[in-house]
Amino acid sequence: MNAPGWRHNESAAQASPELVDALRALAVSLLSDNMARASGTLGLMPYHRPSAMAGTAVTVRTRPGDNLAIHAAFDFCRPGDVLVIDGGGDLHQALMGDIMASYAESIGIRGLVIDGAIRDVGALRSRDFPVYARGVTHRGPYKNGPGEINVPVTVGGMVVHPGDIVVGDEDGVLAIAQADAANILERARVQEQKEAQALRSIVEGAFDRSWVPGQLDRAMKA
């Protein structure tokens, strides 16, 4: 389907399960620190019990308050995907609630990232299935379109391309290009070891803060 506003493109190739699982095992903050600390969503909140998320992005861009394209996008999702929805940040109508989230989980989707509103948060918060959204309203959605599937989208100020690996935890959501993922993973693992050593040094009373005066001096002279 290629009419303006109604493009439905095939889903991108999925990332390997081994790579996705390795990224899920790391804190989003570690991954973000190795992406120049300038990536990731702003303003989206988790509406589920703490649970790490990682999967290949299937993207949707829809008219604010309208979820017809989201229903259509379920047919493009495979087990292991994360459905990323650009609803323009609108909070007037909920794009989905417990029924659609339950269906998403039932077909193997790993999580939902929604730059828009949701509802039924009492039910969603009682479950481990990852749902990130900008806000909440009881007002239900329209189903008129238009909307596009598997196009570049923006959620929480973060650009997501179909096929990106989307990871999330209690700190937020991050999208990583598959071509960059192995390198970011390697550097994040090195940082994880350094941070573990820093925590051990705190317990041992040997935490190194000797760099602070020098950094202050350089900052004040800048």
C-alpha atoms as a PDB file:
ATOM      1  CA  MET A   1       0.000   0.000   0.000  1.00  0.00           C
ATOM      2  CA  ASN A   2       1.705   3.216  -1.165  1.00  0.00           C
ATOM      3  CA  ALA A   3      -0.941   5.961  -1.226  1.00  0.00           C
ATOM      4  CA  PRO A   4       0.194   9.180   0.503  1.00  0.00           C
ATOM      5  CA  GLY A   5      -0.254   8.807   4.248  1.00  0.00           C
ATOM      6  CA  TRP A   6      -0.974   5.091   3.948  1.00  0.00           C
ATOM      7  CA  ARG A   7       2.410   3.532   3.173  1.00  0.00           C
ATOM      8  CA  HIS A   8       2.719  -0.002   4.521  1.00  0.00           C
ATOM      9  CA  ASN A   9       6.257  -1.338   4.031  1.00  0.00           C
ATOM     10  CA  GLU A  10       7.607  -4.777   4.782  1.00  0.00           C
ATOM     11  CA  SER A  11       9.324  -5.188   8.127  1.00  0.00           C
ATOM     12  CA  ALA A  12      13.115  -4.993   8.254  1.00  0.00           C
ATOM     13  CA  ALA A  13      15.229  -8.040   8.974  1.00  0.00           C
ATOM     14  CA  GLN A  14      15.294  -8.958  12.641  1.00  0.00           C
ATOM     15  CA  ALA A  15      18.435  -8.662  14.722  1.00  0.00           C
ATOM     16  CA  SER A  16      19.918 -11.946  15.914  1.00  0.00           C
ATOM     17  CA  PRO A  17      18.377 -13.280  19.133  1.00  0.00           C
ATOM     18  CA  GLU A  18      21.855 -13.538  20.678  1.00  0.00           C
ATOM     19  CA  LEU A  19      22.558  -9.835  20.076  1.00  0.00           C
ATOM     20  CA  VAL A  20      19.126  -8.791  21.335  1.00  0.00           C
ATOM     21  CA  ASP A  21      19.486 -10.881  24.503  1.00  0.00           C
ATOM     22  CA  ALA A  22      22.960  -9.460  25.168  1.00  0.00           C
ATOM     23  CA  LEU A  23      21.665  -5.896  24.867  1.00  0.00           C
ATOM     24  CA  ARG A  24      18.677  -6.652  27.113  1.00  0.00           C
ATOM     25  CA  ALA A  25      21.058  -7.826  29.817  1.00  0.00           C
ATOM     26  CA  LEU A  26      22.746  -4.411  30.052  1.00  0.00           C
ATOM     27  CA  ALA A  27      21.399  -1.250  31.652  1.00  0.00           C
ATOM     28  CA  VAL A  28      20.133   1.319  29.170  1.00  0.00           C
ATOM     29  CA  SER A  29      22.348   3.894  30.895  1.00  0.00           C
ATOM     30  CA  LEU A  30      25.456   1.880  29.974  1.00  0.00           C
ATOM     31  CA  LEU A  31      24.394   1.681  26.348  1.00  0.00           C
ATOM     32  CA  SER A  32      23.444   5.365  26.262  1.00  0.00           C
ATOM     33  CA  ASP A  33      26.816   6.421  27.686  1.00  0.00           C
ATOM     34  CA  ASN A  34      28.436   4.717  24.708  1.00  0.00           C
ATOM     35  CA  MET A  35      26.235   6.594  22.233  1.00  0.00           C
ATOM     36  CA  ALA A  36      27.597  10.057  23.154  1.00  0.00           C
ATOM     37  CA  ARG A  37      24.910  10.429  25.875  1.00  0.00           C
ATOM     38  CA  ALA A  38      22.736  12.166  23.291  1.00  0.00           C
ATOM     39  CA  SER A  39      20.349   9.361  22.343  1.00  0.00           C
ATOM     40  CA  GLY A  40      17.149   7.967  23.779  1.00  0.00           C
ATOM     41  CA  THR A  41      13.618   9.116  24.451  1.00  0.00           C
ATOM     42  CA  LEU A  42      12.556  12.075  26.548  1.00  0.00           C
ATOM     43  CA  GLY A  43       9.181  12.302  28.265  1.00  0.00           C
ATOM     44  CA  LEU A  44       8.049   8.680  27.871  1.00  0.00           C
ATOM     45  CA  MET A  45       7.304   6.740  31.044  1.00  0.00           C
ATOM     46  CA  PRO A  46       7.078   3.000  31.797  1.00  0.00           C
ATOM     47  CA  TYR A  47       3.595   1.750  32.674  1.00  0.00           C
ATOM     48  CA  HIS A  48       4.520  -1.799  33.686  1.00  0.00           C
ATOM     49  CA  ARG A  49       6.298  -3.599  36.491  1.00  0.00           C
ATOM     50  CA  PRO A  50      10.090  -3.318  36.137  1.00  0.00           C
ATOM     51  CA  SER A  51      11.116  -5.506  33.225  1.00  0.00           C
ATOM     52  CA  ALA A  52      13.887  -5.117  30.646  1.00  0.00           C
ATOM     53  CA  MET A  53      12.891  -4.846  26.987  1.00  0.00           C
ATOM     54  CA  ALA A  54      14.772  -5.445  23.744  1.00  0.00           C
ATOM     55  CA  GLY A  55      13.683  -6.289  20.212  1.00  0.00           C
ATOM     56  CA  THR A  56      13.661  -5.269  16.571  1.00  0.00           C
ATOM     57  CA  ALA A  57      11.647  -2.163  15.725  1.00  0.00           C
ATOM     58  CA  VAL A  58       8.464  -2.278  13.703  1.00  0.00           C
ATOM     59  CA  THR A  59       7.371   1.335  13.395  1.00  0.00           C
ATOM     60  CA  VAL A  60       4.025   3.114  13.026  1.00  0.00           C
ATOM     61  CA  ARG A  61       3.299   6.768  12.356  1.00  0.00           C
ATOM     62  CA  THR A  62      -0.347   7.585  12.929  1.00  0.00           C
ATOM     63  CA  ARG A  63      -2.676  10.553  13.094  1.00  0.00           C
ATOM     64  CA  PRO A  64      -2.929  11.701  16.723  1.00  0.00           C
ATOM     65  CA  GLY A  65      -5.673   9.804  18.546  1.00  0.00           C
ATOM     66  CA  ASP A  66      -6.236   7.274  15.749  1.00  0.00           C
ATOM     67  CA  ASN A  67      -5.146   3.639  16.058  1.00  0.00           C
ATOM     68  CA  LEU A  68      -6.240   2.082  12.755  1.00  0.00           C
ATOM     69  CA  ALA A  69      -2.619   1.878  11.563  1.00  0.00           C
ATOM     70  CA  ILE A  70      -1.598   0.257  14.856  1.00  0.00           C
ATOM     71  CA  HIS A  71      -4.141  -2.515  14.368  1.00  0.00           C
ATOM     72  CA  ALA A  72      -2.810  -3.012  10.837  1.00  0.00           C
ATOM     73  CA  ALA A  73       0.792  -3.051  12.088  1.00  0.00           C
ATOM     74  CA  PHE A  74       0.175  -6.149  14.197  1.00  0.00           C
ATOM     75  CA  ASP A  75       0.200  -8.124  10.937  1.00  0.00           C
ATOM     76  CA  PHE A  76       3.760  -6.873  10.305  1.00  0.00           C
ATOM     77  CA  CYS A  77       5.059  -7.907  13.742  1.00  0.00           C
ATOM     78  CA  ARG A  78       6.946 -11.104  14.470  1.00  0.00           C
ATOM     79  CA  PRO A  79       7.842 -12.680  17.801  1.00  0.00           C
ATOM     80  CA  GLY A  80      10.773 -10.674  19.121  1.00  0.00           C
ATOM     81  CA  ASP A  81       9.747  -7.298  17.668  1.00  0.00           C
ATOM     82  CA  VAL A  82       9.077  -4.056  19.556  1.00  0.00           C
ATOM     83  CA  LEU A  83       6.223  -1.958  18.176  1.00  0.00           C
ATOM     84  CA  VAL A  84       7.218   1.729  18.114  1.00  0.00           C
ATOM     85  CA  ILE A  85       4.331   4.179  17.615  1.00  0.00           C
ATOM     86  CA  ASP A  86       4.664   7.846  16.685  1.00  0.00           C
ATOM     87  CA  GLY A  87       1.396   9.425  17.762  1.00  0.00           C
ATOM     88  CA  GLY A  88       2.766  12.944  17.685  1.00  0.00           C
ATOM     89  CA  GLY A  89       2.845  13.152  21.470  1.00  0.00           C
ATOM     90  CA  ASP A  90      -0.900  13.865  21.541  1.00  0.00           C
ATOM     91  CA  LEU A  91      -2.684  13.137  24.836  1.00  0.00           C
ATOM     92  CA  HIS A  92      -6.315  13.824  23.880  1.00  0.00           C
ATOM     93  CA  GLN A  93      -7.206  10.240  22.908  1.00  0.00           C
ATOM     94  CA  ALA A  94      -5.657   6.966  24.055  1.00  0.00           C
ATOM     95  CA  LEU A  95      -4.047   5.009  21.238  1.00  0.00           C
ATOM     96  CA  MET A  96      -4.449   1.696  23.072  1.00  0.00           C
ATOM     97  CA  GLY A  97      -5.168   0.016  26.371  1.00  0.00           C
ATOM     98  CA  ASP A  98      -5.122  -3.390  28.007  1.00  0.00           C
ATOM     99  CA  ILE A  99      -6.820  -5.295  25.179  1.00  0.00           C
ATOM    100  CA  MET A 100      -4.357  -4.234  22.475  1.00  0.00           C
ATOM    101  CA  ALA A 101      -1.379  -4.622  24.819  1.00  0.00           C
ATOM    102  CA  SER A 102      -2.563  -8.118  25.751  1.00  0.00           C
ATOM    103  CA  TYR A 103      -2.907  -9.034  22.094  1.00  0.00           C
ATOM    104  CA  ALA A 104       0.573  -7.672  21.360  1.00  0.00           C
ATOM    105  CA  GLU A 105       2.031  -9.831  24.111  1.00  0.00           C
ATOM    106  CA  SER A 106       0.100 -12.879  22.869  1.00  0.00           C
ATOM    107  CA  ILE A 107       1.747 -12.720  19.424  1.00  0.00           C
ATOM    108  CA  GLY A 108       5.251 -12.442  20.834  1.00  0.00           C
ATOM    109  CA  ILE A 109       5.844  -8.700  20.675  1.00  0.00           C
ATOM    110  CA  ARG A 110       8.509  -7.776  23.240  1.00  0.00           C
ATOM    111  CA  GLY A 111       7.154  -4.345  24.129  1.00  0.00           C
ATOM    112  CA  LEU A 112       5.339  -1.174  23.075  1.00  0.00           C
ATOM    113  CA  VAL A 113       6.795   2.326  22.802  1.00  0.00           C
ATOM    114  CA  ILE A 114       4.087   4.948  22.282  1.00  0.00           C
ATOM    115  CA  ASP A 115       4.562   8.680  21.827  1.00  0.00           C
ATOM    116  CA  GLY A 116       0.954   9.317  22.746  1.00  0.00           C
ATOM    117  CA  ALA A 117      -1.580   8.376  25.384  1.00  0.00           C
ATOM    118  CA  ILE A 118      -2.713   5.006  26.713  1.00  0.00           C
ATOM    119  CA  ARG A 119      -5.450   3.869  29.096  1.00  0.00           C
ATOM    120  CA  ASP A 120      -6.198   0.921  31.418  1.00  0.00           C
ATOM    121  CA  VAL A 121      -2.994   1.711  33.286  1.00  0.00           C
ATOM    122  CA  GLY A 122      -4.156  -0.123  36.399  1.00  0.00           C
ATOM    123  CA  ALA A 123      -4.098  -3.387  34.469  1.00  0.00           C
ATOM    124  CA  LEU A 124      -0.906  -2.565  32.580  1.00  0.00           C
ATOM    125  CA  ARG A 125       0.971  -1.695  35.762  1.00  0.00           C
ATOM    126  CA  SER A 126       0.174  -5.100  37.227  1.00  0.00           C
ATOM    127  CA  ARG A 127       2.019  -6.892  34.414  1.00  0.00           C
ATOM    128  CA  ASP A 128       5.616  -7.356  33.269  1.00  0.00           C
ATOM    129  CA  PHE A 129       4.863  -6.668  29.588  1.00  0.00           C
ATOM    130  CA  PRO A 130       6.770  -3.469  28.711  1.00  0.00           C
ATOM    131  CA  VAL A 131       4.619  -0.473  27.767  1.00  0.00           C
ATOM    132  CA  TYR A 132       6.154   2.998  27.505  1.00  0.00           C
ATOM    133  CA  ALA A 133       3.941   6.006  26.743  1.00  0.00           C
ATOM    134  CA  ARG A 134       3.807   9.777  27.057  1.00  0.00           C
ATOM    135  CA  GLY A 135       0.660   9.940  29.190  1.00  0.00           C
ATOM    136  CA  VAL A 136      -2.771   8.656  30.114  1.00  0.00           C
ATOM    137  CA  THR A 137      -6.385   9.426  29.270  1.00  0.00           C
ATOM    138  CA  HIS A 138      -9.602   7.432  29.523  1.00  0.00           C
ATOM    139  CA  ARG A 139     -10.800   8.815  26.166  1.00  0.00           C
ATOM    140  CA  GLY A 140     -10.735   6.152  23.481  1.00  0.00           C
ATOM    141  CA  PRO A 141      -9.246   6.303  19.958  1.00  0.00           C
ATOM    142  CA  TYR A 142     -10.637   6.832  16.473  1.00  0.00           C
ATOM    143  CA  LYS A 143     -10.151   4.302  13.675  1.00  0.00           C
ATOM    144  CA  ASN A 144     -10.147   6.345  10.491  1.00  0.00           C
ATOM    145  CA  GLY A 145      -6.471   6.706   9.525  1.00  0.00           C
ATOM    146  CA  PRO A 146      -4.296   7.668   7.875  1.00  0.00           C
ATOM    147  CA  GLY A 147      -1.171   6.002   9.168  1.00  0.00           C
ATOM    148  CA  GLU A 148       2.061   4.484   7.920  1.00  0.00           C
ATOM    149  CA  ILE A 149       3.938   1.313   8.826  1.00  0.00           C
ATOM    150  CA  ASN A 150       7.695   0.721   8.746  1.00  0.00           C
ATOM    151  CA  VAL A 151       8.772   4.276   8.007  1.00  0.00           C
ATOM    152  CA  PRO A 152      11.214   6.376  10.062  1.00  0.00           C
ATOM    153  CA  VAL A 153       9.450   7.795  13.119  1.00  0.00           C
ATOM    154  CA  THR A 154      10.202  10.059  16.063  1.00  0.00           C
ATOM    155  CA  VAL A 155       9.224   9.060  19.603  1.00  0.00           C
ATOM    156  CA  GLY A 156      10.173  11.189  22.566  1.00  0.00           C
ATOM    157  CA  GLY A 157      12.587  13.138  20.383  1.00  0.00           C
ATOM    158  CA  MET A 158      14.378   9.951  19.272  1.00  0.00           C
ATOM    159  CA  VAL A 159      14.431   8.887  15.626  1.00  0.00           C
ATOM    160  CA  VAL A 160      13.710   5.184  15.123  1.00  0.00           C
ATOM    161  CA  HIS A 161      14.205   3.387  11.828  1.00  0.00           C
ATOM    162  CA  PRO A 162      12.540   0.067  11.025  1.00  0.00           C
ATOM    163  CA  GLY A 163      14.953  -2.662  12.061  1.00  0.00           C
ATOM    164  CA  ASP A 164      16.676  -0.697  14.829  1.00  0.00           C
ATOM    165  CA  ILE A 165      17.151  -2.582  18.079  1.00  0.00           C
ATOM    166  CA  VAL A 166      14.989  -0.926  20.733  1.00  0.00           C
ATOM    167  CA  VAL A 167      15.970  -1.440  24.366  1.00  0.00           C
ATOM    168  CA  GLY A 168      14.267  -0.217  27.506  1.00  0.00           C
ATOM    169  CA  ASP A 169      14.372  -0.402  31.285  1.00  0.00           C
ATOM    170  CA  GLU A 170      13.291   1.757  34.225  1.00  0.00           C
ATOM    171  CA  ASP A 171      15.562   4.586  33.009  1.00  0.00           C
ATOM    172  CA  GLY A 172      14.003   4.867  29.545  1.00  0.00           C
ATOM    173  CA  VAL A 173      14.157   3.712  25.941  1.00  0.00           C
ATOM    174  CA  LEU A 174      16.995   3.701  23.418  1.00  0.00           C
ATOM    175  CA  ALA A 175      17.181   2.752  19.714  1.00  0.00           C
ATOM    176  CA  ILE A 176      20.393   1.313  18.292  1.00  0.00           C
ATOM    177  CA  ALA A 177      21.116   0.761  14.592  1.00  0.00           C
ATOM    178  CA  GLN A 178      21.888  -2.902  13.969  1.00  0.00           C
ATOM    179  CA  ALA A 179      25.154  -1.954  12.242  1.00  0.00           C
ATOM    180  CA  ASP A 180      26.348  -0.201  15.420  1.00  0.00           C
ATOM    181  CA  ALA A 181      25.031  -2.627  18.007  1.00  0.00           C
ATOM    182  CA  ALA A 182      27.976  -5.021  18.350  1.00  0.00           C
ATOM    183  CA  ASN A 183      30.461  -2.185  18.879  1.00  0.00           C
ATOM    184  CA  ILE A 184      28.216  -0.416  21.406  1.00  0.00           C
ATOM    185  CA  LEU A 185      27.659  -3.700  23.224  1.00  0.00           C
ATOM    186  CA  GLU A 186      31.402  -4.333  23.522  1.00  0.00           C
ATOM    187  CA  ARG A 187      32.122  -0.861  24.890  1.00  0.00           C
ATOM    188  CA  ALA A 188      29.177  -1.008  27.284  1.00  0.00           C
ATOM    189  CA  ARG A 189      30.447  -4.299  28.711  1.00  0.00           C
ATOM    190  CA  VAL A 190      33.849  -2.693  29.391  1.00  0.00           C
ATOM    191  CA  GLN A 191      32.109   0.193  31.140  1.00  0.00           C
ATOM    192  CA  GLU A 192      29.993  -2.250  33.160  1.00  0.00           C
ATOM    193  CA  GLN A 193      33.178  -3.803  34.533  1.00  0.00           C
ATOM    194  CA  LYS A 194      34.622  -0.380  35.382  1.00  0.00           C
ATOM    195  CA  GLU A 195      31.457   0.626  37.219  1.00  0.00           C
ATOM    196  CA  ALA A 196      31.412  -2.648  39.129  1.00  0.00           C
ATOM    197  CA  GLN A 197      34.980  -1.941  40.229  1.00  0.00           C
ATOM    198  CA  ALA A 198      34.003   1.574  41.315  1.00  0.00           C
ATOM    199  CA  LEU A 199      31.204   0.174  43.471  1.00  0.00           C
ATOM    200  CA  ARG A 200      33.602  -2.318  45.044  1.00  0.00           C
ATOM    201  CA  SER A 201      36.048   0.495  45.817  1.00  0.00           C
ATOM    202  CA  ILE A 202      33.280   2.429  47.610  1.00  0.00           C
ATOM    203  CA  VAL A 203      32.595  -0.581  49.855  1.00  0.00           C
ATOM    204  CA  GLU A 204      36.334  -0.874  50.502  1.00  0.00           C
ATOM    205  CA  GLY A 205      36.703   2.841  51.291  1.00  0.00           C
ATOM    206  CA  ALA A 206      39.053   3.370  48.352  1.00  0.00           C
ATOM    207  CA  PHE A 207      36.895   5.292  45.882  1.00  0.00           C
ATOM    208  CA  ASP A 208      39.152   7.505  43.732  1.00  0.00           C
ATOM    209  CA  ARG A 209      38.038  11.151  43.597  1.00  0.00           C
ATOM    210  CA  SER A 210      41.486  12.555  42.891  1.00  0.00           C
ATOM    211  CA  TRP A 211      40.393  13.761  39.466  1.00  0.00           C
ATOM    212  CA  VAL A 212      37.831  16.276  40.839  1.00  0.00           C
ATOM    213  CA  PRO A 213      40.160  19.235  41.672  1.00  0.00           C
ATOM    214  CA  GLY A 214      41.857  19.068  38.297  1.00  0.00           C
ATOM    215  CA  GLN A 215      38.562  18.944  36.459  1.00  0.00           C
ATOM    216  CA  LEU A 216      37.237  21.885  38.474  1.00  0.00           C
ATOM    217  CA  ASP A 217      40.337  23.894  37.630  1.00  0.00           C
ATOM    218  CA  ARG A 218      40.044  23.155  33.916  1.00  0.00           C
ATOM    219  CA  ALA A 219      36.313  23.951  33.930  1.00  0.00           C
ATOM    220  CA  MET A 220      36.803  27.304  35.671  1.00  0.00           C
ATOM    221  CA  LYS A 221      39.501  28.310  33.183  1.00  0.00           C
ATOM    222  CA  ALA A 222      37.436  27.325  30.133  1.00  0.00           C
END
